[in-house]
Amino acid sequence: MQRRLGVMLAVLVACVAVGTWADEAPVTPVAPEPAATSDPKAGQDEPPKPDGHCDRCGSCASVRRVCVAVPVEREKIKVCWSYRCEQVCIPGPSIFCGESCECDQCGSWWKQWWKPTCAHTITKRVPVKTEVTRKVPGFEWQVQERCCGCSPACSTPKTSWLSCLLHPFGAK
């Protein structure tokens, strides 16, 4: 009896591990198909497919893929802090005039009577947050197909840091 239970347990474990029973066909997972979009702009942000032609001049001689720095303009949010002045009254000492017993729905309680004497004003600075959107130049690297005449040189150009600040995109 114990041997028969052991065999049945082994068969059960094997069926669960394989994921099928004796009378069922094995199930193969099927990858879901990509959903078709009706958006006409879908796929426009993708880089062009490699076609063996230079992306710049259209030549097909000695074309290879190279990294090209493309100038872009990015928006950065700068947080600026300033302050505004606000006049506030600061009360002076008060004079205690006495107390009286009051009653309401919650029971009785003591009310204290105070008489204000004077107050003076001060100027308080209240912080003000301002967000400014700035457009800053930058570069984005793209893989493009270029021929030998159009591919960018990998050697470091002999320019000073000052010329890069004055002419960031090479325009003079």
Protein backbone atom coordinates (compact mmCIF):
# COMPACT_ATOMS: atom_id res chain seq x y z
CA MET A 1 0.00 0.00 0.00
CA GLN A 2 2.80 2.43 0.87
CA ARG A 3 4.66 1.54 -2.32
CA ARG A 4 1.56 2.22 -4.45
CA LEU A 5 1.08 5.64 -2.74
CA GLY A 6 4.74 6.47 -3.35
CA VAL A 7 4.43 5.67 -7.08
CA MET A 8 1.23 7.70 -7.38
CA LEU A 9 2.89 10.62 -5.59
CA ALA A 10 5.91 10.43 -7.92
CA VAL A 11 3.65 10.47 -11.02
CA LEU A 12 1.69 13.38 -9.62
CA VAL A 13 4.86 15.38 -8.93
CA ALA A 14 6.18 14.62 -12.43
CA CYS A 15 2.92 15.76 -14.06
CA VAL A 16 2.90 18.97 -12.08
CA ALA A 17 6.56 19.64 -12.91
CA VAL A 18 5.97 19.09 -16.65
CA GLY A 19 2.71 20.99 -16.56
CA THR A 20 0.62 18.36 -18.37
CA TRP A 21 -1.44 15.27 -17.72
CA ALA A 22 -1.34 12.06 -19.73
CA ASP A 23 -4.38 12.90 -21.89
CA GLU A 24 -3.48 16.58 -22.52
CA ALA A 25 -1.15 18.03 -25.11
CA PRO A 26 1.71 20.12 -23.69
CA VAL A 27 0.98 23.83 -23.60
CA THR A 28 3.50 26.12 -25.26
CA PRO A 29 3.49 29.76 -24.21
CA VAL A 30 2.58 32.19 -26.96
CA ALA A 31 4.02 35.70 -26.96
CA PRO A 32 1.36 38.40 -27.16
CA GLU A 33 1.20 40.25 -30.44
CA PRO A 34 1.99 43.95 -30.30
CA ALA A 35 -1.14 46.06 -30.33
CA ALA A 36 -1.75 47.94 -33.54
CA THR A 37 -2.04 51.66 -33.01
CA SER A 38 -4.08 53.96 -35.15
CA ASP A 39 -1.83 56.89 -34.23
CA PRO A 40 -0.33 58.38 -37.42
CA LYS A 41 2.67 59.72 -35.47
CA ALA A 42 3.61 56.26 -34.18
CA GLY A 43 7.14 55.40 -35.25
CA GLN A 44 8.15 58.94 -36.28
CA ASP A 45 10.45 59.36 -33.27
CA GLU A 46 12.39 56.24 -34.19
CA PRO A 47 15.76 56.64 -35.95
CA PRO A 48 15.80 55.85 -39.67
CA LYS A 49 16.36 52.23 -40.62
CA PRO A 50 19.85 51.44 -41.94
CA ASP A 51 19.66 51.48 -45.72
CA GLY A 52 23.37 51.59 -46.69
CA HIS A 53 23.25 55.26 -47.75
CA CYS A 54 24.86 58.24 -46.05
CA ASP A 55 22.28 60.17 -44.01
CA ARG A 56 23.96 63.44 -44.95
CA CYS A 57 24.88 63.27 -48.66
CA GLY A 58 23.18 60.05 -49.85
CA SER A 59 26.39 58.35 -51.01
CA CYS A 60 26.71 54.57 -50.73
CA ALA A 61 30.52 54.33 -50.76
CA SER A 62 32.18 53.22 -47.49
CA VAL A 63 29.12 53.84 -45.32
CA ARG A 64 29.39 53.01 -41.62
CA ARG A 65 27.49 53.80 -38.45
CA VAL A 66 28.94 56.60 -36.35
CA CYS A 67 27.86 58.59 -33.29
CA VAL A 68 26.91 62.17 -34.11
CA ALA A 69 26.30 64.94 -31.58
CA VAL A 70 23.10 66.72 -32.57
CA PRO A 71 22.38 70.10 -30.95
CA VAL A 72 19.09 70.21 -29.05
CA GLU A 73 17.41 72.79 -26.85
CA ARG A 74 16.22 71.55 -23.47
CA GLU A 75 13.95 73.17 -20.93
CA LYS A 76 15.22 73.37 -17.37
CA ILE A 77 13.19 74.63 -14.43
CA LYS A 78 15.10 76.98 -12.16
CA VAL A 79 13.69 77.69 -8.70
CA CYS A 80 14.35 81.24 -7.50
CA TRP A 81 13.69 82.48 -3.99
CA SER A 82 12.94 86.05 -3.00
CA TYR A 83 10.93 87.69 -0.25
CA ARG A 84 8.18 90.21 0.24
CA CYS A 85 7.75 92.44 3.23
CA GLU A 86 4.66 92.21 5.40
CA GLN A 87 3.67 94.38 8.36
CA VAL A 88 2.68 92.43 11.50
CA CYS A 89 1.31 93.69 14.86
CA ILE A 90 3.09 92.40 17.96
CA PRO A 91 0.91 92.88 21.07
CA GLY A 92 2.43 94.27 24.24
CA PRO A 93 1.67 93.16 27.80
CA SER A 94 -1.99 92.89 28.82
CA ILE A 95 -3.53 93.77 32.14
CA PHE A 96 -5.47 91.10 34.07
CA CYS A 97 -8.90 92.48 34.97
CA GLY A 98 -10.44 89.45 36.69
CA GLU A 99 -12.41 86.31 35.99
CA SER A 100 -16.01 85.23 35.99
CA CYS A 101 -17.87 81.92 36.09
CA GLU A 102 -19.74 80.99 32.89
CA CYS A 103 -22.13 78.08 32.17
CA ASP A 104 -22.99 76.35 28.92
CA GLN A 105 -24.01 72.86 27.64
CA CYS A 106 -20.69 71.35 28.77
CA GLY A 107 -20.90 72.68 32.31
CA SER A 108 -19.36 75.60 34.15
CA TRP A 109 -15.95 77.14 33.43
CA TRP A 110 -13.93 80.19 34.38
CA LYS A 111 -13.53 83.03 31.87
CA GLN A 112 -10.51 85.31 32.30
CA TRP A 113 -10.73 88.99 31.38
CA TRP A 114 -7.64 90.68 29.91
CA LYS A 115 -7.25 94.28 28.73
CA PRO A 116 -4.70 94.95 25.96
CA THR A 117 -2.39 97.90 26.52
CA CYS A 118 -0.42 98.58 23.33
CA ALA A 119 1.11 96.95 20.26
CA HIS A 120 3.89 97.77 17.86
CA THR A 121 4.51 96.82 14.23
CA ILE A 122 7.41 94.93 12.77
CA THR A 123 8.28 94.12 9.18
CA LYS A 124 8.35 90.41 8.50
CA ARG A 125 9.99 88.89 5.42
CA VAL A 126 7.84 86.21 3.80
CA PRO A 127 9.67 83.88 1.38
CA VAL A 128 8.33 83.76 -2.18
CA LYS A 129 9.12 80.84 -4.50
CA THR A 130 9.29 81.52 -8.25
CA GLU A 131 9.88 78.88 -10.92
CA VAL A 132 11.47 80.01 -14.18
CA THR A 133 11.64 77.80 -17.26
CA ARG A 134 14.91 78.29 -19.14
CA LYS A 135 15.85 76.98 -22.55
CA VAL A 136 19.44 75.77 -22.48
CA PRO A 137 21.50 74.37 -25.36
CA GLY A 138 22.71 70.80 -25.18
CA PHE A 139 23.67 67.83 -27.30
CA GLU A 140 22.06 64.47 -27.92
CA TRP A 141 24.00 61.55 -29.36
CA GLN A 142 22.46 59.75 -32.33
CA VAL A 143 23.66 56.79 -34.37
CA GLN A 144 23.70 57.73 -38.05
CA GLU A 145 25.07 56.22 -41.23
CA ARG A 146 27.82 58.34 -42.72
CA CYS A 147 30.32 57.97 -45.55
CA CYS A 148 34.03 58.68 -45.08
CA GLY A 149 33.66 62.27 -46.30
CA CYS A 150 30.77 63.12 -43.98
CA SER A 151 31.73 61.24 -40.79
CA PRO A 152 32.89 63.45 -37.91
CA ALA A 153 36.58 63.35 -37.05
CA CYS A 154 37.40 61.63 -33.78
CA SER A 155 40.51 63.67 -33.11
CA THR A 156 40.18 66.49 -30.60
CA PRO A 157 40.01 69.84 -32.36
CA LYS A 158 42.60 72.40 -31.30
CA THR A 159 40.20 74.95 -29.87
CA SER A 160 40.35 76.75 -26.59
CA TRP A 161 37.68 76.61 -23.93
CA LEU A 162 37.04 80.30 -24.56
CA SER A 163 36.03 79.72 -28.18
CA CYS A 164 33.63 76.98 -27.03
CA LEU A 165 31.96 79.47 -24.69
CA LEU A 166 31.74 82.20 -27.31
CA HIS A 167 30.60 79.91 -30.14
CA PRO A 168 28.93 76.83 -28.56
CA PHE A 169 27.61 75.37 -31.85
CA GLY A 170 30.60 76.27 -34.02
CA ALA A 171 28.87 79.28 -35.62
CA LYS A 172 31.03 82.40 -35.88
